[in-house]
Amino acid sequence: LELNTSKTGRPFIGFGGNFRLQNPKTDPEVIDYCLKN
């Protein structure tokens, strides 16, 4: 594995998430976990 630090791309901002409320039983738990961790 070779890493060429002189040639860079655009910055990676990070991960996001879809927070559409579809399943009232499970979505809140998943959302709380994701936003906490």
PDB file of all heavy atoms in Angstrom:
ATOM      1  N   LEU A   1       0.847  -1.186   0.000  1.00  0.00           N
ATOM      2  CA  LEU A   1       0.000   0.000   0.000  1.00  0.00           C
ATOM      3  C   LEU A   1       0.880   1.232   0.000  1.00  0.00           C
ATOM      4  O   LEU A   1       1.757   1.377   0.852  1.00  0.00           O
ATOM      5  CB  LEU A   1      -0.909   0.006   1.238  1.00  0.00           C
ATOM      6  CG  LEU A   1      -1.804   1.236   1.427  1.00  0.00           C
ATOM      7  CD1 LEU A   1      -2.842   1.318   0.318  1.00  0.00           C
ATOM      8  CD2 LEU A   1      -2.493   1.193   2.789  1.00  0.00           C
ATOM      9  N   GLU A   2       0.666   2.109  -0.986  1.00  0.00           N
ATOM     10  CA  GLU A   2       1.408   3.352  -1.061  1.00  0.00           C
ATOM     11  C   GLU A   2       0.445   4.517  -0.907  1.00  0.00           C
ATOM     12  O   GLU A   2      -0.611   4.553  -1.544  1.00  0.00           O
ATOM     13  CB  GLU A   2       2.147   3.465  -2.395  1.00  0.00           C
ATOM     14  CG  GLU A   2       3.257   2.434  -2.565  1.00  0.00           C
ATOM     15  CD  GLU A   2       4.030   2.627  -3.864  1.00  0.00           C
ATOM     16  OE1 GLU A   2       3.690   3.575  -4.607  1.00  0.00           O
ATOM     17  OE2 GLU A   2       4.955   1.846  -4.127  1.00  0.00           O
ATOM     18  N   LEU A   3       0.798   5.466  -0.065  1.00  0.00           N
ATOM     19  CA  LEU A   3      -0.027   6.642   0.176  1.00  0.00           C
ATOM     20  C   LEU A   3       0.704   7.871  -0.324  1.00  0.00           C
ATOM     21  O   LEU A   3       1.779   8.211   0.164  1.00  0.00           O
ATOM     22  CB  LEU A   3      -0.329   6.775   1.674  1.00  0.00           C
ATOM     23  CG  LEU A   3      -1.223   7.945   2.087  1.00  0.00           C
ATOM     24  CD1 LEU A   3      -2.615   7.775   1.490  1.00  0.00           C
ATOM     25  CD2 LEU A   3      -1.309   8.022   3.611  1.00  0.00           C
ATOM     26  N   ASN A   4       0.141   8.520  -1.344  1.00  0.00           N
ATOM     27  CA  ASN A   4       0.738   9.715  -1.920  1.00  0.00           C
ATOM     28  C   ASN A   4       0.103  10.939  -1.270  1.00  0.00           C
ATOM     29  O   ASN A   4      -0.988  11.381  -1.653  1.00  0.00           O
ATOM     30  CB  ASN A   4       0.517   9.733  -3.435  1.00  0.00           C
ATOM     31  CG  ASN A   4       1.222  10.908  -4.109  1.00  0.00           C
ATOM     32  OD1 ASN A   4       1.796  11.774  -3.446  1.00  0.00           O
ATOM     33  ND2 ASN A   4       1.174  10.934  -5.432  1.00  0.00           N
ATOM     34  N   THR A   5       0.751  11.478  -0.270  1.00  0.00           N
ATOM     35  CA  THR A   5       0.188  12.604   0.481  1.00  0.00           C
ATOM     36  C   THR A   5       0.293  13.929  -0.277  1.00  0.00           C
ATOM     37  O   THR A   5      -0.313  14.921   0.125  1.00  0.00           O
ATOM     38  CB  THR A   5       0.895  12.751   1.834  1.00  0.00           C
ATOM     39  OG1 THR A   5       2.299  12.914   1.616  1.00  0.00           O
ATOM     40  CG2 THR A   5       0.651  11.522   2.692  1.00  0.00           C
ATOM     41  N   SER A   6       1.033  13.932  -1.375  1.00  0.00           N
ATOM     42  CA  SER A   6       1.165  15.178  -2.144  1.00  0.00           C
ATOM     43  C   SER A   6      -0.010  15.403  -3.082  1.00  0.00           C
ATOM     44  O   SER A   6      -0.216  16.498  -3.585  1.00  0.00           O
ATOM     45  CB  SER A   6       2.468  15.161  -2.961  1.00  0.00           C
ATOM     46  OG  SER A   6       2.418  14.135  -3.947  1.00  0.00           O
ATOM     47  N   LYS A   7      -0.790  14.343  -3.321  1.00  0.00           N
ATOM     48  CA  LYS A   7      -1.954  14.463  -4.209  1.00  0.00           C
ATOM     49  C   LYS A   7      -3.215  14.244  -3.375  1.00  0.00           C
ATOM     50  O   LYS A   7      -3.537  13.133  -2.976  1.00  0.00           O
ATOM     51  CB  LYS A   7      -1.874  13.426  -5.328  1.00  0.00           C
ATOM     52  CG  LYS A   7      -2.973  13.561  -6.374  1.00  0.00           C
ATOM     53  CD  LYS A   7      -2.809  12.540  -7.495  1.00  0.00           C
ATOM     54  CE  LYS A   7      -3.909  12.703  -8.540  1.00  0.00           C
ATOM     55  NZ  LYS A   7      -3.778  11.702  -9.634  1.00  0.00           N
ATOM     56  N   THR A   8      -3.906  15.312  -3.104  1.00  0.00           N
ATOM     57  CA  THR A   8      -5.086  15.234  -2.243  1.00  0.00           C
ATOM     58  C   THR A   8      -6.361  15.493  -3.043  1.00  0.00           C
ATOM     59  O   THR A   8      -6.345  16.162  -4.078  1.00  0.00           O
ATOM     60  CB  THR A   8      -5.004  16.269  -1.112  1.00  0.00           C
ATOM     61  OG1 THR A   8      -4.918  17.578  -1.684  1.00  0.00           O
ATOM     62  CG2 THR A   8      -3.791  16.013  -0.239  1.00  0.00           C
ATOM     63  N   GLY A   9      -7.452  14.964  -2.549  1.00  0.00           N
ATOM     64  CA  GLY A   9      -8.762  15.208  -3.146  1.00  0.00           C
ATOM     65  C   GLY A   9      -9.531  16.213  -2.329  1.00  0.00           C
ATOM     66  O   GLY A   9      -8.973  16.937  -1.501  1.00  0.00           O
ATOM     67  N   ARG A  10     -10.822  16.252  -2.560  1.00  0.00           N
ATOM     68  CA  ARG A  10     -11.647  17.163  -1.766  1.00  0.00           C
ATOM     69  C   ARG A  10     -11.787  16.607  -0.350  1.00  0.00           C
ATOM     70  O   ARG A  10     -11.718  15.392  -0.138  1.00  0.00           O
ATOM     71  CB  ARG A  10     -13.025  17.305  -2.409  1.00  0.00           C
ATOM     72  CG  ARG A  10     -13.032  18.197  -3.638  1.00  0.00           C
ATOM     73  CD  ARG A  10     -14.461  18.471  -4.054  1.00  0.00           C
ATOM     74  NE  ARG A  10     -15.140  17.217  -4.348  1.00  0.00           N
ATOM     75  CZ  ARG A  10     -15.429  16.807  -5.577  1.00  0.00           C
ATOM     76  NH1 ARG A  10     -15.098  17.535  -6.597  1.00  0.00           N
ATOM     77  NH2 ARG A  10     -16.039  15.664  -5.779  1.00  0.00           N
ATOM     78  N   PRO A  11     -12.021  17.454   0.627  1.00  0.00           N
ATOM     79  CA  PRO A  11     -12.158  16.962   2.006  1.00  0.00           C
ATOM     80  C   PRO A  11     -13.409  16.111   2.171  1.00  0.00           C
ATOM     81  O   PRO A  11     -14.442  16.370   1.552  1.00  0.00           O
ATOM     82  CB  PRO A  11     -12.264  18.256   2.827  1.00  0.00           C
ATOM     83  CG  PRO A  11     -12.731  19.296   1.864  1.00  0.00           C
ATOM     84  CD  PRO A  11     -12.122  18.925   0.549  1.00  0.00           C
ATOM     85  N   PHE A  12     -13.283  15.090   3.005  1.00  0.00           N
ATOM     86  CA  PHE A  12     -14.421  14.242   3.355  1.00  0.00           C
ATOM     87  C   PHE A  12     -15.071  14.832   4.594  1.00  0.00           C
ATOM     88  O   PHE A  12     -14.467  14.864   5.670  1.00  0.00           O
ATOM     89  CB  PHE A  12     -13.949  12.810   3.608  1.00  0.00           C
ATOM     90  CG  PHE A  12     -15.018  11.886   4.106  1.00  0.00           C
ATOM     91  CD1 PHE A  12     -16.111  11.585   3.318  1.00  0.00           C
ATOM     92  CD2 PHE A  12     -14.936  11.317   5.373  1.00  0.00           C
ATOM     93  CE1 PHE A  12     -17.108  10.723   3.768  1.00  0.00           C
ATOM     94  CE2 PHE A  12     -15.922  10.455   5.837  1.00  0.00           C
ATOM     95  CZ  PHE A  12     -17.011  10.164   5.031  1.00  0.00           C
ATOM     96  N   ILE A  13     -16.295  15.316   4.463  1.00  0.00           N
ATOM     97  CA  ILE A  13     -16.954  15.999   5.578  1.00  0.00           C
ATOM     98  C   ILE A  13     -17.286  15.010   6.688  1.00  0.00           C
ATOM     99  O   ILE A  13     -17.163  15.311   7.864  1.00  0.00           O
ATOM    100  CB  ILE A  13     -18.231  16.718   5.087  1.00  0.00           C
ATOM    101  CG1 ILE A  13     -17.857  17.809   4.072  1.00  0.00           C
ATOM    102  CG2 ILE A  13     -18.985  17.337   6.253  1.00  0.00           C
ATOM    103  CD1 ILE A  13     -19.059  18.450   3.406  1.00  0.00           C
ATOM    104  N   GLY A  14     -17.736  13.807   6.312  1.00  0.00           N
ATOM    105  CA  GLY A  14     -18.076  12.815   7.313  1.00  0.00           C
ATOM    106  C   GLY A  14     -19.366  12.091   6.973  1.00  0.00           C
ATOM    107  O   GLY A  14     -19.853  12.147   5.846  1.00  0.00           O
ATOM    108  N   PHE A  15     -19.934  11.438   7.970  1.00  0.00           N
ATOM    109  CA  PHE A  15     -21.152  10.659   7.791  1.00  0.00           C
ATOM    110  C   PHE A  15     -22.372  11.451   8.240  1.00  0.00           C
ATOM    111  O   PHE A  15     -22.320  12.216   9.196  1.00  0.00           O
ATOM    112  CB  PHE A  15     -21.073   9.349   8.594  1.00  0.00           C
ATOM    113  CG  PHE A  15     -20.109   8.359   8.019  1.00  0.00           C
ATOM    114  CD1 PHE A  15     -18.828   8.246   8.513  1.00  0.00           C
ATOM    115  CD2 PHE A  15     -20.491   7.538   6.967  1.00  0.00           C
ATOM    116  CE1 PHE A  15     -17.928   7.332   7.985  1.00  0.00           C
ATOM    117  CE2 PHE A  15     -19.605   6.621   6.424  1.00  0.00           C
ATOM    118  CZ  PHE A  15     -18.329   6.524   6.934  1.00  0.00           C
ATOM    119  N   GLY A  16     -23.467  11.220   7.530  1.00  0.00           N
ATOM    120  CA  GLY A  16     -24.742  11.804   7.911  1.00  0.00           C
ATOM    121  C   GLY A  16     -25.740  10.706   8.185  1.00  0.00           C
ATOM    122  O   GLY A  16     -25.378   9.540   8.352  1.00  0.00           O
ATOM    123  N   GLY A  17     -27.011  11.076   8.211  1.00  0.00           N
ATOM    124  CA  GLY A  17     -28.028  10.069   8.470  1.00  0.00           C
ATOM    125  C   GLY A  17     -29.377  10.485   7.935  1.00  0.00           C
ATOM    126  O   GLY A  17     -29.678  11.676   7.805  1.00  0.00           O
ATOM    127  N   ASN A  18     -30.177   9.475   7.569  1.00  0.00           N
ATOM    128  CA  ASN A  18     -31.573   9.698   7.196  1.00  0.00           C
ATOM    129  C   ASN A  18     -32.426   9.546   8.451  1.00  0.00           C
ATOM    130  O   ASN A  18     -32.365   8.514   9.121  1.00  0.00           O
ATOM    131  CB  ASN A  18     -32.011   8.691   6.136  1.00  0.00           C
ATOM    132  CG  ASN A  18     -31.514   9.065   4.757  1.00  0.00           C
ATOM    133  OD1 ASN A  18     -32.150   9.832   4.062  1.00  0.00           O
ATOM    134  ND2 ASN A  18     -30.361   8.544   4.373  1.00  0.00           N
ATOM    135  N   PHE A  19     -33.226  10.552   8.737  1.00  0.00           N
ATOM    136  CA  PHE A  19     -34.037  10.555   9.949  1.00  0.00           C
ATOM    137  C   PHE A  19     -35.515  10.666   9.594  1.00  0.00           C
ATOM    138  O   PHE A  19     -36.276  11.367  10.242  1.00  0.00           O
ATOM    139  CB  PHE A  19     -33.592  11.695  10.867  1.00  0.00           C
ATOM    140  CG  PHE A  19     -32.174  11.542  11.341  1.00  0.00           C
ATOM    141  CD1 PHE A  19     -31.120  12.100  10.630  1.00  0.00           C
ATOM    142  CD2 PHE A  19     -31.885  10.802  12.466  1.00  0.00           C
ATOM    143  CE1 PHE A  19     -29.820  11.941  11.046  1.00  0.00           C
ATOM    144  CE2 PHE A  19     -30.577  10.634  12.899  1.00  0.00           C
ATOM    145  CZ  PHE A  19     -29.535  11.207  12.192  1.00  0.00           C
ATOM    146  N   ARG A  20     -35.902   9.937   8.558  1.00  0.00           N
ATOM    147  CA  ARG A  20     -37.310   9.848   8.197  1.00  0.00           C
ATOM    148  C   ARG A  20     -38.016   8.922   9.185  1.00  0.00           C
ATOM    149  O   ARG A  20     -37.529   7.820   9.457  1.00  0.00           O
ATOM    150  CB  ARG A  20     -37.451   9.290   6.777  1.00  0.00           C
ATOM    151  CG  ARG A  20     -38.882   9.245   6.281  1.00  0.00           C
ATOM    152  CD  ARG A  20     -38.984   8.507   4.960  1.00  0.00           C
ATOM    153  NE  ARG A  20     -40.348   8.501   4.458  1.00  0.00           N
ATOM    154  CZ  ARG A  20     -40.789   7.696   3.490  1.00  0.00           C
ATOM    155  NH1 ARG A  20     -39.954   6.833   2.936  1.00  0.00           N
ATOM    156  NH2 ARG A  20     -42.043   7.751   3.094  1.00  0.00           N
ATOM    157  N   LEU A  21     -39.132   9.353   9.717  1.00  0.00           N
ATOM    158  CA  LEU A  21     -39.859   8.575  10.721  1.00  0.00           C
ATOM    159  C   LEU A  21     -40.847   7.656  10.023  1.00  0.00           C
ATOM    160  O   LEU A  21     -41.923   8.069   9.609  1.00  0.00           O
ATOM    161  CB  LEU A  21     -40.578   9.527  11.683  1.00  0.00           C
ATOM    162  CG  LEU A  21     -39.659  10.502  12.449  1.00  0.00           C
ATOM    163  CD1 LEU A  21     -40.480  11.539  13.184  1.00  0.00           C
ATOM    164  CD2 LEU A  21     -38.762   9.743  13.415  1.00  0.00           C
ATOM    165  N   GLN A  22     -40.473   6.384   9.894  1.00  0.00           N
ATOM    166  CA  GLN A  22     -41.321   5.406   9.211  1.00  0.00           C
ATOM    167  C   GLN A  22     -41.914   4.376  10.159  1.00  0.00           C
ATOM    168  O   GLN A  22     -43.062   3.991  10.033  1.00  0.00           O
ATOM    169  CB  GLN A  22     -40.520   4.685   8.118  1.00  0.00           C
ATOM    170  CG  GLN A  22     -40.163   5.569   6.934  1.00  0.00           C
ATOM    171  CD  GLN A  22     -39.329   4.816   5.908  1.00  0.00           C
ATOM    172  OE1 GLN A  22     -38.124   4.691   6.056  1.00  0.00           O
ATOM    173  NE2 GLN A  22     -39.975   4.313   4.879  1.00  0.00           N
ATOM    174  N   ASN A  23     -41.096   3.904  11.093  1.00  0.00           N
ATOM    175  CA  ASN A  23     -41.546   2.869  12.025  1.00  0.00           C
ATOM    176  C   ASN A  23     -41.543   3.437  13.436  1.00  0.00           C
ATOM    177  O   ASN A  23     -40.490   3.588  14.054  1.00  0.00           O
ATOM    178  CB  ASN A  23     -40.631   1.646  11.948  1.00  0.00           C
ATOM    179  CG  ASN A  23     -41.184   0.457  12.706  1.00  0.00           C
ATOM    180  OD1 ASN A  23     -41.777   0.606  13.759  1.00  0.00           O
ATOM    181  ND2 ASN A  23     -40.969  -0.734  12.160  1.00  0.00           N
ATOM    182  N   PRO A  24     -42.719   3.777  13.974  1.00  0.00           N
ATOM    183  CA  PRO A  24     -42.771   4.435  15.297  1.00  0.00           C
ATOM    184  C   PRO A  24     -42.252   3.574  16.433  1.00  0.00           C
ATOM    185  O   PRO A  24     -41.893   4.093  17.491  1.00  0.00           O
ATOM    186  CB  PRO A  24     -44.266   4.747  15.473  1.00  0.00           C
ATOM    187  CG  PRO A  24     -44.983   3.816  14.551  1.00  0.00           C
ATOM    188  CD  PRO A  24     -44.063   3.600  13.391  1.00  0.00           C
ATOM    189  N   LYS A  25     -42.189   2.238  16.238  1.00  0.00           N
ATOM    190  CA  LYS A  25     -41.725   1.357  17.304  1.00  0.00           C
ATOM    191  C   LYS A  25     -40.205   1.313  17.399  1.00  0.00           C
ATOM    192  O   LYS A  25     -39.640   1.284  18.497  1.00  0.00           O
ATOM    193  CB  LYS A  25     -42.276  -0.052  17.096  1.00  0.00           C
ATOM    194  CG  LYS A  25     -43.791  -0.165  17.301  1.00  0.00           C
ATOM    195  CD  LYS A  25     -44.242  -1.621  17.154  1.00  0.00           C
ATOM    196  CE  LYS A  25     -45.750  -1.749  17.390  1.00  0.00           C
ATOM    197  NZ  LYS A  25     -46.209  -3.157  17.255  1.00  0.00           N
ATOM    198  N   THR A  26     -39.551   1.273  16.254  1.00  0.00           N
ATOM    199  CA  THR A  26     -38.099   1.062  16.267  1.00  0.00           C
ATOM    200  C   THR A  26     -37.279   2.301  15.906  1.00  0.00           C
ATOM    201  O   THR A  26     -36.141   2.430  16.352  1.00  0.00           O
ATOM    202  CB  THR A  26     -37.713  -0.065  15.292  1.00  0.00           C
ATOM    203  OG1 THR A  26     -38.165   0.286  13.967  1.00  0.00           O
ATOM    204  CG2 THR A  26     -38.365  -1.376  15.705  1.00  0.00           C
ATOM    205  N   ASP A  27     -37.831   3.209  15.108  1.00  0.00           N
ATOM    206  CA  ASP A  27     -37.049   4.361  14.655  1.00  0.00           C
ATOM    207  C   ASP A  27     -36.513   5.224  15.801  1.00  0.00           C
ATOM    208  O   ASP A  27     -35.337   5.620  15.768  1.00  0.00           O
ATOM    209  CB  ASP A  27     -37.865   5.218  13.686  1.00  0.00           C
ATOM    210  CG  ASP A  27     -37.983   4.583  12.311  1.00  0.00           C
ATOM    211  OD1 ASP A  27     -37.296   3.567  12.083  1.00  0.00           O
ATOM    212  OD2 ASP A  27     -38.744   5.089  11.475  1.00  0.00           O
ATOM    213  N   PRO A  28     -37.321   5.566  16.815  1.00  0.00           N
ATOM    214  CA  PRO A  28     -36.789   6.418  17.886  1.00  0.00           C
ATOM    215  C   PRO A  28     -35.559   5.832  18.568  1.00  0.00           C
ATOM    216  O   PRO A  28     -34.596   6.552  18.863  1.00  0.00           O
ATOM    217  CB  PRO A  28     -37.976   6.528  18.856  1.00  0.00           C
ATOM    218  CG  PRO A  28     -39.180   6.358  17.992  1.00  0.00           C
ATOM    219  CD  PRO A  28     -38.766   5.324  16.977  1.00  0.00           C
ATOM    220  N   GLU A  29     -35.560   4.518  18.804  1.00  0.00           N
ATOM    221  CA  GLU A  29     -34.421   3.875  19.457  1.00  0.00           C
ATOM    222  C   GLU A  29     -33.168   3.947  18.582  1.00  0.00           C
ATOM    223  O   GLU A  29     -32.070   4.236  19.065  1.00  0.00           O
ATOM    224  CB  GLU A  29     -34.762   2.419  19.770  1.00  0.00           C
ATOM    225  CG  GLU A  29     -33.673   1.681  20.525  1.00  0.00           C
ATOM    226  CD  GLU A  29     -34.042   0.239  20.846  1.00  0.00           C
ATOM    227  OE1 GLU A  29     -35.163  -0.187  20.476  1.00  0.00           O
ATOM    228  OE2 GLU A  29     -33.233  -0.452  21.466  1.00  0.00           O
ATOM    229  N   VAL A  30     -33.349   3.694  17.281  1.00  0.00           N
ATOM    230  CA  VAL A  30     -32.215   3.744  16.353  1.00  0.00           C
ATOM    231  C   VAL A  30     -31.675   5.168  16.254  1.00  0.00           C
ATOM    232  O   VAL A  30     -30.457   5.396  16.267  1.00  0.00           O
ATOM    233  CB  VAL A  30     -32.632   3.224  14.964  1.00  0.00           C
ATOM    234  CG1 VAL A  30     -31.508   3.426  13.964  1.00  0.00           C
ATOM    235  CG2 VAL A  30     -33.022   1.755  15.036  1.00  0.00           C
ATOM    236  N   ILE A  31     -32.594   6.133  16.161  1.00  0.00           N
ATOM    237  CA  ILE A  31     -32.187   7.536  16.051  1.00  0.00           C
ATOM    238  C   ILE A  31     -31.427   7.975  17.295  1.00  0.00           C
ATOM    239  O   ILE A  31     -30.364   8.611  17.206  1.00  0.00           O
ATOM    240  CB  ILE A  31     -33.418   8.428  15.803  1.00  0.00           C
ATOM    241  CG1 ILE A  31     -33.942   8.204  14.381  1.00  0.00           C
ATOM    242  CG2 ILE A  31     -33.084   9.900  16.027  1.00  0.00           C
ATOM    243  CD1 ILE A  31     -35.293   8.832  14.117  1.00  0.00           C
ATOM    244  N   ASP A  32     -31.958   7.636  18.471  1.00  0.00           N
ATOM    245  CA  ASP A  32     -31.281   8.019  19.715  1.00  0.00           C
ATOM    246  C   ASP A  32     -29.879   7.436  19.776  1.00  0.00           C
ATOM    247  O   ASP A  32     -28.923   8.109  20.177  1.00  0.00           O
ATOM    248  CB  ASP A  32     -32.092   7.540  20.920  1.00  0.00           C
ATOM    249  CG  ASP A  32     -33.388   8.326  21.108  1.00  0.00           C
ATOM    250  OD1 ASP A  32     -33.524   9.401  20.499  1.00  0.00           O
ATOM    251  OD2 ASP A  32     -34.269   7.852  21.862  1.00  0.00           O
ATOM    252  N   TYR A  33     -29.747   6.174  19.361  1.00  0.00           N
ATOM    253  CA  TYR A  33     -28.430   5.533  19.392  1.00  0.00           C
ATOM    254  C   TYR A  33     -27.453   6.230  18.451  1.00  0.00           C
ATOM    255  O   TYR A  33     -26.310   6.514  18.820  1.00  0.00           O
ATOM    256  CB  TYR A  33     -28.557   4.060  19.013  1.00  0.00           C
ATOM    257  CG  TYR A  33     -27.226   3.330  19.013  1.00  0.00           C
ATOM    258  CD1 TYR A  33     -26.732   2.752  20.183  1.00  0.00           C
ATOM    259  CD2 TYR A  33     -26.450   3.260  17.858  1.00  0.00           C
ATOM    260  CE1 TYR A  33     -25.505   2.107  20.197  1.00  0.00           C
ATOM    261  CE2 TYR A  33     -25.219   2.627  17.864  1.00  0.00           C
ATOM    262  CZ  TYR A  33     -24.755   2.049  19.032  1.00  0.00           C
ATOM    263  OH  TYR A  33     -23.525   1.429  19.053  1.00  0.00           O
ATOM    264  N   CYS A  34     -27.915   6.511  17.237  1.00  0.00           N
ATOM    265  CA  CYS A  34     -27.034   7.137  16.237  1.00  0.00           C
ATOM    266  C   CYS A  34     -26.585   8.535  16.679  1.00  0.00           C
ATOM    267  O   CYS A  34     -25.407   8.885  16.567  1.00  0.00           O
ATOM    268  CB  CYS A  34     -27.738   7.208  14.887  1.00  0.00           C
ATOM    269  SG  CYS A  34     -27.974   5.610  14.088  1.00  0.00           S
ATOM    270  N   LEU A  35     -27.515   9.315  17.192  1.00  0.00           N
ATOM    271  CA  LEU A  35     -27.167  10.681  17.597  1.00  0.00           C
ATOM    272  C   LEU A  35     -26.284  10.702  18.836  1.00  0.00           C
ATOM    273  O   LEU A  35     -25.510  11.636  19.039  1.00  0.00           O
ATOM    274  CB  LEU A  35     -28.438  11.490  17.830  1.00  0.00           C
ATOM    275  CG  LEU A  35     -29.271  11.781  16.573  1.00  0.00           C
ATOM    276  CD1 LEU A  35     -30.524  12.562  16.920  1.00  0.00           C
ATOM    277  CD2 LEU A  35     -28.453  12.545  15.535  1.00  0.00           C
ATOM    278  N   LYS A  36     -26.378   9.651  19.643  1.00  0.00           N
ATOM    279  CA  LYS A  36     -25.552   9.574  20.843  1.00  0.00           C
ATOM    280  C   LYS A  36     -24.147   9.068  20.533  1.00  0.00           C
ATOM    281  O   LYS A  36     -23.171   9.505  21.151  1.00  0.00           O
ATOM    282  CB  LYS A  36     -26.219   8.653  21.874  1.00  0.00           C
ATOM    283  CG  LYS A  36     -25.446   8.522  23.180  1.00  0.00           C
ATOM    284  CD  LYS A  36     -26.172   7.591  24.148  1.00  0.00           C
ATOM    285  CE  LYS A  36     -25.370   7.427  25.447  1.00  0.00           C
ATOM    286  NZ  LYS A  36     -26.050   6.518  26.404  1.00  0.00           N
ATOM    287  N   ASN A  37     -24.025   8.170  19.559  1.00  0.00           N
ATOM    288  CA  ASN A  37     -22.755   7.473  19.352  1.00  0.00           C
ATOM    289  C   ASN A  37     -22.015   7.845  18.074  1.00  0.00           C
ATOM    290  O   ASN A  37     -20.850   7.481  17.920  1.00  0.00           O
ATOM    291  CB  ASN A  37     -23.000   5.957  19.350  1.00  0.00           C
ATOM    292  CG  ASN A  37     -23.446   5.441  20.704  1.00  0.00           C
ATOM    293  OD1 ASN A  37     -22.637   5.240  21.599  1.00  0.00           O
ATOM    294  ND2 ASN A  37     -24.751   5.247  20.864  1.00  0.00           N
TER     295      ASN A  37
END
